[in-house]
Amino acid sequence: KLGIINIGVISPVYQAGDVVTLANLQEKGLVDANIGRLKVLASGTLDKPLTIKAEAFSFQAIKMITLTGGQAIELKGE
């Protein structure tokens, strides 16, 4: 099952330089436990460099992540 999360939800709960994964988003209660894949969208603001690992990103989300000095790492789904 594909889950969707916005940059604006991720940004406030992570520190600069953190690595964001589906597993740690689930630990923080930001994504349901039954989600197996993740897509990151650009709604909201990102004010720090984060490395975000997900199966899919919107173009705008990739742009926001890289402009803050972070990385958008696209995982290949099995």
Protein backbone atom coordinates (compact mmCIF):
# COMPACT_ATOMS: atom_id res chain seq x y z
CA LYS A 1 0.00 0.00 0.00
CA LEU A 2 1.32 3.44 -1.00
CA GLY A 3 1.32 6.20 1.63
CA ILE A 4 1.56 9.92 0.92
CA ILE A 5 3.32 12.43 3.17
CA ASN A 6 3.98 16.14 2.72
CA ILE A 7 7.27 17.92 3.36
CA GLY A 8 5.44 20.17 5.84
CA VAL A 9 4.63 17.16 8.03
CA ILE A 10 8.19 15.82 7.96
CA SER A 11 10.10 19.06 8.58
CA PRO A 12 8.98 19.90 12.16
CA VAL A 13 9.82 16.47 13.63
CA TYR A 14 13.33 15.98 12.24
CA GLN A 15 16.64 17.75 12.87
CA ALA A 16 19.02 19.00 10.17
CA GLY A 17 21.02 16.13 8.72
CA ASP A 18 18.55 13.40 9.78
CA VAL A 19 17.71 10.49 7.50
CA VAL A 20 13.96 10.10 6.98
CA THR A 21 12.67 6.61 6.17
CA LEU A 22 9.29 4.91 6.08
CA ALA A 23 10.23 2.95 9.22
CA ASN A 24 11.09 6.01 11.32
CA LEU A 25 8.04 7.91 10.03
CA GLN A 26 5.94 4.98 11.25
CA GLU A 27 7.74 4.99 14.62
CA LYS A 28 6.86 8.67 15.03
CA GLY A 29 3.22 7.94 14.14
CA LEU A 30 3.27 10.08 10.99
CA VAL A 31 2.49 7.17 8.63
CA ASP A 32 0.17 4.20 9.26
CA ALA A 33 1.84 0.90 10.10
CA ASN A 34 0.13 -0.85 7.16
CA ILE A 35 1.88 1.37 4.59
CA GLY A 36 4.57 -0.43 2.59
CA ARG A 37 5.67 2.28 0.15
CA LEU A 38 5.95 6.04 0.43
CA LYS A 39 5.50 9.07 -1.85
CA VAL A 40 6.70 12.49 -0.70
CA LEU A 41 4.85 15.62 -1.85
CA ALA A 42 5.92 19.27 -1.64
CA SER A 43 3.08 20.82 0.38
CA GLY A 44 4.43 22.87 3.29
CA THR A 45 7.92 24.15 4.01
CA LEU A 46 11.29 22.54 4.51
CA ASP A 47 13.88 24.68 6.28
CA LYS A 48 16.71 22.21 6.89
CA PRO A 49 18.74 19.64 4.97
CA LEU A 50 17.27 16.14 5.29
CA THR A 51 18.01 12.89 3.50
CA ILE A 52 14.62 11.43 2.60
CA LYS A 53 14.30 7.87 1.33
CA ALA A 54 11.06 6.95 -0.41
CA GLU A 55 9.74 5.05 -3.43
CA ALA A 56 8.46 8.23 -5.12
CA PHE A 57 8.73 12.01 -4.94
CA SER A 58 6.89 14.81 -6.69
CA PHE A 59 9.17 17.00 -8.80
CA GLN A 60 8.54 19.95 -6.46
CA ALA A 61 9.44 17.85 -3.39
CA ILE A 62 12.78 16.87 -4.95
CA LYS A 63 13.43 20.53 -5.74
CA MET A 64 12.66 21.63 -2.15
CA ILE A 65 14.79 18.88 -0.62
CA THR A 66 17.82 19.60 -2.80
CA LEU A 67 17.53 23.40 -2.43
CA THR A 68 17.91 23.05 1.35
CA GLY A 69 21.03 20.92 0.88
CA GLY A 70 19.32 17.58 1.46
CA GLN A 71 18.95 14.47 -0.66
CA ALA A 72 15.92 12.73 -2.14
CA ILE A 73 16.82 9.07 -2.51
CA GLU A 74 14.40 7.09 -4.65
CA LEU A 75 14.11 3.50 -3.49
CA LYS A 76 13.43 0.82 -6.05
CA GLY A 77 10.29 -1.14 -5.18
CA GLU A 78 10.45 -4.92 -5.25
